[in-house]
């Protein structure tokens, strides 16, 4: 998949092709439905924005992103897209009229098919709608294809709903809307080393991801990013401040089951499969160790039933 850094850079290289429009945060099952429609008119491509428009227009209210740009591009490539246009979103760009955006699509890029969700809007003040987009396309001999929202167990797949689930720790519910487990990437850094002293060594994962699940203990699986096709290793992770030891800084600590290698400095991808329990304070290290043993067995159960 080739990535263009602007509409102007892409130019006429997408002429006559299909283009899906959206922010695509999370690349969830609703987004995947747009790409499936675009692929019916292959080659299929996507246009997205960087940064997320909310971070420019309402920075204090901007959502925490489910996927940072590198991960989003990786997921878009996995959907079978040929090209992605990553258009820079600035305050000046936000003042573009709907007609400016239509010209970018149909005149600059020259696409023949545009794929959008049923509530798609564009241009300054979101004045452009699916109806105006269709009119602009028809004048140029192009087509607009509208994809209806995707429902999963009665819930509409949306980035905002997925964020809510993850922030609540409902990673299983988020997984159904994402079409895969929620994940984050990070580097293993030095921690206090306390896990090793109590018999459960952990990898302290430092991540740039904006979105983290609610504090608690989770069944996870982990893969080294250097081993793109390598094995997933099962484990359990704690997100929180480690109140038993008087901690104040939120950390992500992953214990890999039946693993004894050195992970310091390694880059990992952590997938969250199920929340096992909320974070809690124990009266002693011995009580904590007893609970960790139960957490590990609960994580094994999640893996055994095929959720990992």
Protein backbone atom coordinates (compact mmCIF):
# COMPACT_ATOMS: atom_id res chain seq x y z
CA UNK A 1 0.00 0.00 0.00
CA UNK A 2 1.35 3.40 -0.99
CA UNK A 3 0.82 6.43 1.23
CA UNK A 4 0.47 9.98 -0.11
CA UNK A 5 0.96 12.88 2.28
CA UNK A 6 -1.63 15.12 0.59
CA UNK A 7 -4.26 15.27 -2.13
CA UNK A 8 -1.90 17.31 -4.28
CA UNK A 9 0.86 14.71 -3.93
CA UNK A 10 -1.50 11.95 -5.06
CA UNK A 11 -2.64 14.02 -8.04
CA UNK A 12 -4.18 11.96 -10.81
CA UNK A 13 -2.73 8.65 -9.66
CA UNK A 14 -6.16 7.62 -8.34
CA UNK A 15 -8.04 8.65 -11.47
CA UNK A 16 -11.18 6.60 -12.02
CA UNK A 17 -10.57 4.57 -8.86
CA UNK A 18 -12.62 4.14 -5.67
CA UNK A 19 -11.96 6.25 -2.58
CA UNK A 20 -13.37 5.73 0.92
CA UNK A 21 -13.60 8.86 3.07
CA UNK A 22 -13.28 9.09 6.86
CA UNK A 23 -11.07 9.49 9.90
CA UNK A 24 -11.03 5.71 10.38
CA UNK A 25 -9.88 5.79 14.01
CA UNK A 26 -9.73 2.18 15.11
CA UNK A 27 -10.46 0.81 11.62
CA UNK A 28 -13.49 -0.95 13.09
CA UNK A 29 -16.08 -3.17 11.41
CA UNK A 30 -18.04 -0.14 10.19
CA UNK A 31 -14.97 1.22 8.44
CA UNK A 32 -14.24 -2.22 7.06
CA UNK A 33 -17.70 -2.22 5.44
CA UNK A 34 -16.74 0.97 3.57
CA UNK A 35 -13.55 -0.65 2.32
CA UNK A 36 -15.45 -3.75 1.24
CA UNK A 37 -17.74 -1.54 -0.85
CA UNK A 38 -14.75 0.34 -2.29
CA UNK A 39 -13.13 -2.97 -3.24
CA UNK A 40 -16.17 -3.73 -5.39
CA UNK A 41 -14.94 -0.87 -7.57
CA UNK A 42 -11.22 -1.71 -7.24
CA UNK A 43 -8.58 -0.42 -7.04
CA UNK A 44 -9.75 0.76 -3.63
CA UNK A 45 -8.17 3.61 -1.68
CA UNK A 46 -8.86 5.82 1.35
CA UNK A 47 -8.56 9.48 2.29
CA UNK A 48 -8.02 10.31 5.95
CA UNK A 49 -6.77 13.26 8.00
CA UNK A 50 -3.81 13.89 10.30
CA UNK A 51 -4.19 15.03 13.00
CA UNK A 52 -7.75 14.07 13.87
CA UNK A 53 -9.92 17.14 13.11
CA UNK A 54 -11.15 17.24 16.70
CA UNK A 55 -7.61 17.93 17.93
CA UNK A 56 -7.50 21.04 15.75
CA UNK A 57 -11.03 22.36 16.12
CA UNK A 58 -11.76 21.43 19.76
CA UNK A 59 -8.48 20.38 21.37
CA UNK A 60 -9.90 20.41 24.89
CA UNK A 61 -12.65 18.01 23.85
CA UNK A 62 -10.68 15.95 21.35
CA UNK A 63 -11.07 12.18 21.70
CA UNK A 64 -8.24 9.91 22.76
CA UNK A 65 -7.31 8.03 19.61
CA UNK A 66 -7.87 4.28 19.42
CA UNK A 67 -5.05 3.94 16.88
CA UNK A 68 -2.11 6.22 16.21
CA UNK A 69 -1.29 6.87 12.55
CA UNK A 70 1.34 4.10 12.04
CA UNK A 71 -1.03 1.46 13.42
CA UNK A 72 -3.95 2.88 11.46
CA UNK A 73 -1.97 2.64 8.22
CA UNK A 74 -1.01 -0.94 9.05
CA UNK A 75 -4.67 -1.84 9.55
CA UNK A 76 -5.73 -0.04 6.37
CA UNK A 77 -3.17 -2.02 4.40
CA UNK A 78 -4.57 -5.23 5.88
CA UNK A 79 -7.99 -4.26 4.50
CA UNK A 80 -6.64 -4.55 0.97
CA UNK A 81 -6.37 -0.87 0.06
CA UNK A 82 -3.97 0.16 -2.70
CA UNK A 83 -3.32 3.76 -1.61
CA UNK A 84 -4.06 6.02 1.35
CA UNK A 85 -4.03 9.79 1.17
CA UNK A 86 -3.15 11.32 4.56
CA UNK A 87 -4.28 14.92 4.24
CA UNK A 88 -2.90 17.41 6.78
CA UNK A 89 -5.74 18.97 8.76
CA UNK A 90 -5.16 22.55 9.90
CA UNK A 91 -7.37 25.48 10.86
CA UNK A 92 -6.89 26.88 7.38
CA UNK A 93 -7.89 23.58 5.84
CA UNK A 94 -10.95 23.47 8.10
CA UNK A 95 -12.16 26.68 6.45
CA UNK A 96 -12.29 24.97 3.04
CA UNK A 97 -15.74 25.07 1.49
CA UNK A 98 -17.62 21.94 0.50
CA UNK A 99 -16.99 22.95 -3.11
CA UNK A 100 -13.23 23.01 -2.44
CA UNK A 101 -13.38 19.46 -1.09
CA UNK A 102 -15.50 18.26 -4.00
CA UNK A 103 -12.97 19.74 -6.44
CA UNK A 104 -10.14 17.96 -4.61
CA UNK A 105 -11.91 14.62 -4.99
CA UNK A 106 -13.27 14.81 -8.49
CA UNK A 107 -10.97 17.30 -10.22
CA UNK A 108 -7.56 16.95 -8.54
CA UNK A 109 -7.76 13.23 -7.77
CA UNK A 110 -10.26 12.42 -10.49
CA UNK A 111 -11.75 9.48 -8.59
CA UNK A 112 -14.65 7.64 -10.18
CA UNK A 113 -16.24 6.23 -7.02
CA UNK A 114 -16.51 7.73 -3.55
CA UNK A 115 -17.61 5.60 -0.58
CA UNK A 116 -18.98 7.21 2.59
CA UNK A 117 -21.09 6.45 5.63
CA UNK A 118 -24.70 7.61 5.66
CA UNK A 119 -23.98 10.52 8.04
CA UNK A 120 -20.88 11.81 6.23
CA UNK A 121 -20.34 15.59 6.23
CA UNK A 122 -17.49 17.72 4.94
CA UNK A 123 -16.27 21.28 4.42
CA UNK A 124 -16.47 24.32 6.69
CA UNK A 125 -19.25 24.06 9.28
CA UNK A 126 -19.87 20.55 7.96
CA UNK A 127 -22.06 22.13 5.31
CA UNK A 128 -21.43 19.37 2.79
CA UNK A 129 -23.69 16.32 2.98
CA UNK A 130 -24.16 13.05 1.16
CA UNK A 131 -26.71 14.81 -1.05
CA UNK A 132 -24.35 17.62 -2.10
CA UNK A 133 -21.56 15.09 -2.61
CA UNK A 134 -23.78 13.06 -4.92
CA UNK A 135 -24.70 16.15 -6.90
CA UNK A 136 -21.04 17.13 -7.30
CA UNK A 137 -20.13 13.60 -8.38
CA UNK A 138 -22.97 13.36 -10.91
CA UNK A 139 -21.85 16.58 -12.60
CA UNK A 140 -18.46 14.95 -13.23
CA UNK A 141 -19.64 11.49 -14.19
CA UNK A 142 -18.60 9.93 -10.88
CA UNK A 143 -20.61 7.92 -8.35
CA UNK A 144 -21.13 8.09 -4.60
CA UNK A 145 -21.82 4.85 -2.71
CA UNK A 146 -23.36 5.14 0.76
CA UNK A 147 -22.79 2.40 3.34
CA UNK A 148 -25.25 2.06 6.20
CA UNK A 149 -24.06 1.73 9.82
CA UNK A 150 -22.94 -1.73 10.90
CA UNK A 151 -24.74 -3.20 13.90
CA UNK A 152 -23.12 -5.79 16.14
CA UNK A 153 -25.49 -7.38 18.64
CA UNK A 154 -27.74 -4.33 18.35
CA UNK A 155 -24.92 -1.81 18.86
CA UNK A 156 -23.81 0.49 16.05
CA UNK A 157 -20.07 0.21 15.45
CA UNK A 158 -18.53 3.63 16.01
CA UNK A 159 -15.19 4.95 17.20
CA UNK A 160 -16.86 6.86 20.04
CA UNK A 161 -18.63 3.75 21.37
CA UNK A 162 -15.40 1.74 21.17
CA UNK A 163 -13.57 4.44 23.15
CA UNK A 164 -16.27 4.30 25.81
CA UNK A 165 -15.95 0.53 26.09
CA UNK A 166 -12.17 0.64 26.38
CA UNK A 167 -12.21 3.41 28.98
CA UNK A 168 -14.70 1.32 30.97
CA UNK A 169 -12.48 -1.75 30.68
CA UNK A 170 -15.02 -3.57 28.50
CA UNK A 171 -12.40 -4.83 26.09
CA UNK A 172 -14.51 -7.81 25.06
CA UNK A 173 -17.30 -5.49 23.88
CA UNK A 174 -14.75 -3.29 22.11
CA UNK A 175 -13.35 -6.37 20.38
CA UNK A 176 -16.73 -7.15 18.81
CA UNK A 177 -16.96 -3.68 17.29
CA UNK A 178 -13.32 -3.57 16.23
CA UNK A 179 -13.37 -7.01 14.68
CA UNK A 180 -10.16 -7.80 16.58
CA UNK A 181 -8.82 -7.28 20.12
CA UNK A 182 -7.89 -3.75 21.15
CA UNK A 183 -4.11 -3.41 21.14
CA UNK A 184 -1.36 -0.98 21.96
CA UNK A 185 2.33 -0.93 21.14
CA UNK A 186 5.08 -0.06 23.57
CA UNK A 187 8.66 -0.54 24.66
CA UNK A 188 9.67 -2.58 27.69
CA UNK A 189 11.42 -0.29 30.17
CA UNK A 190 12.91 -0.81 33.59
CA UNK A 191 10.46 -0.88 36.47
CA UNK A 192 10.81 -1.39 40.20
CA UNK A 193 11.57 -5.08 39.66
CA UNK A 194 9.08 -5.99 42.39
CA UNK A 195 7.29 -8.60 40.27
CA UNK A 196 10.41 -10.72 40.00
CA UNK A 197 10.88 -10.72 43.77
CA UNK A 198 7.39 -12.15 44.33
CA UNK A 199 7.70 -14.78 41.61
CA UNK A 200 5.82 -13.03 38.80
CA UNK A 201 8.25 -11.01 36.66
CA UNK A 202 6.55 -8.38 34.55
CA UNK A 203 7.38 -6.31 31.49
CA UNK A 204 6.79 -2.62 32.19
CA UNK A 205 5.31 -1.40 28.88
CA UNK A 206 5.87 2.27 28.01
CA UNK A 207 3.40 3.26 25.29
CA UNK A 208 2.60 6.36 23.27
CA UNK A 209 -0.98 5.19 22.73
CA UNK A 210 -3.48 7.78 23.86
CA UNK A 211 -6.16 5.29 24.85
CA UNK A 212 -5.65 2.81 27.67
CA UNK A 213 -8.17 0.41 29.19
CA UNK A 214 -9.56 1.18 32.65
CA UNK A 215 -7.37 0.22 35.61
CA UNK A 216 -7.56 -3.48 36.34
CA UNK A 217 -6.17 -6.88 35.48
CA UNK A 218 -6.60 -8.28 31.98
CA UNK A 219 -6.01 -11.48 30.07
CA UNK A 220 -3.68 -10.50 27.24
CA UNK A 221 -1.49 -11.83 24.52
CA UNK A 222 1.79 -10.29 23.41
CA UNK A 223 3.89 -10.32 20.27
CA UNK A 224 7.34 -8.87 19.65
CA UNK A 225 7.04 -6.23 16.93
CA UNK A 226 10.33 -7.42 15.48
CA UNK A 227 8.61 -10.77 14.86
CA UNK A 228 5.71 -9.69 12.65
CA UNK A 229 4.75 -13.30 12.00
CA UNK A 230 6.00 -14.57 15.33
CA UNK A 231 4.00 -16.32 18.04
CA UNK A 232 1.49 -14.63 20.32
CA UNK A 233 2.45 -15.24 23.94
CA UNK A 234 -0.36 -15.44 26.51
CA UNK A 235 -0.24 -13.41 29.68
CA UNK A 236 -1.93 -11.22 32.26
CA UNK A 237 -1.48 -7.48 32.62
CA UNK A 238 -2.14 -4.99 35.38
CA UNK A 239 -3.00 -1.39 34.54
CA UNK A 240 -2.92 0.94 37.49
CA UNK A 241 -0.87 2.44 40.31
CA UNK A 242 -0.12 -0.76 42.30
CA UNK A 243 -1.90 0.49 45.45
CA UNK A 244 -0.64 -2.40 47.60
CA UNK A 245 2.83 -0.84 47.32
CA UNK A 246 1.67 2.78 47.58
CA UNK A 247 2.19 3.60 43.92
CA UNK A 248 0.91 6.80 42.33
CA UNK A 249 1.95 6.48 38.67
CA UNK A 250 -0.23 4.51 36.27
CA UNK A 251 1.76 1.74 34.59
CA UNK A 252 1.07 -1.20 32.29
CA UNK A 253 2.80 -4.33 33.57
CA UNK A 254 2.53 -7.55 31.59
CA UNK A 255 3.35 -11.01 32.96
CA UNK A 256 3.88 -13.54 30.17
CA UNK A 257 2.85 -17.07 31.03
CA UNK A 258 5.57 -19.71 30.91
CA UNK A 259 8.13 -17.24 29.54
CA UNK A 260 11.62 -16.58 30.88
CA UNK A 261 13.37 -14.44 28.23
CA UNK A 262 14.78 -10.94 28.58
CA UNK A 263 12.39 -8.32 27.14
CA UNK A 264 14.11 -5.08 28.21
CA UNK A 265 14.26 -2.64 25.33
CA UNK A 266 12.04 -4.79 23.13
CA UNK A 267 8.99 -3.37 21.36
CA UNK A 268 5.77 -5.25 22.00
CA UNK A 269 2.20 -5.30 20.81
CA UNK A 270 -0.22 -6.06 23.63
CA UNK A 271 -3.73 -7.29 22.83
CA UNK A 272 -6.36 -7.03 25.58
CA UNK A 273 -8.71 -10.02 25.53
CA UNK A 274 -10.78 -9.81 28.70
CA UNK A 275 -10.89 -7.84 31.94
CA UNK A 276 -10.43 -10.24 34.84
CA UNK A 277 -11.00 -7.86 37.74
CA UNK A 278 -10.64 -4.22 38.81
CA UNK A 279 -7.44 -3.03 40.46
CA UNK A 280 -7.51 -3.42 44.22
CA UNK A 281 -5.33 -2.91 47.29
CA UNK A 282 -4.24 -5.93 49.33
CA UNK A 283 -3.23 -6.04 52.97
CA UNK A 284 0.09 -7.72 52.27
CA UNK A 285 2.36 -8.91 49.51
CA UNK A 286 1.33 -12.50 50.37
CA UNK A 287 -2.33 -11.68 49.71
CA UNK A 288 -1.35 -10.07 46.42
CA UNK A 289 0.65 -13.14 45.37
CA UNK A 290 -2.35 -15.35 46.09
CA UNK A 291 -4.55 -13.17 43.92
CA UNK A 292 -1.99 -13.05 41.10
CA UNK A 293 -1.95 -16.86 41.06
CA UNK A 294 -5.73 -16.80 40.60
CA UNK A 295 -5.40 -14.12 37.90
CA UNK A 296 -2.91 -16.27 36.00
CA UNK A 297 -5.25 -19.27 36.13
CA UNK A 298 -8.13 -17.06 34.95
CA UNK A 299 -5.98 -15.87 32.04
CA UNK A 300 -5.18 -19.49 31.16
CA UNK A 301 -8.91 -20.21 31.11
CA UNK A 302 -9.49 -17.37 28.65
CA UNK A 303 -6.79 -18.79 26.39
CA UNK A 304 -8.09 -22.35 26.73
CA UNK A 305 -11.53 -21.42 25.46
CA UNK A 306 -9.99 -19.97 22.35
CA UNK A 307 -10.35 -16.23 23.10
CA UNK A 308 -6.60 -15.83 22.70
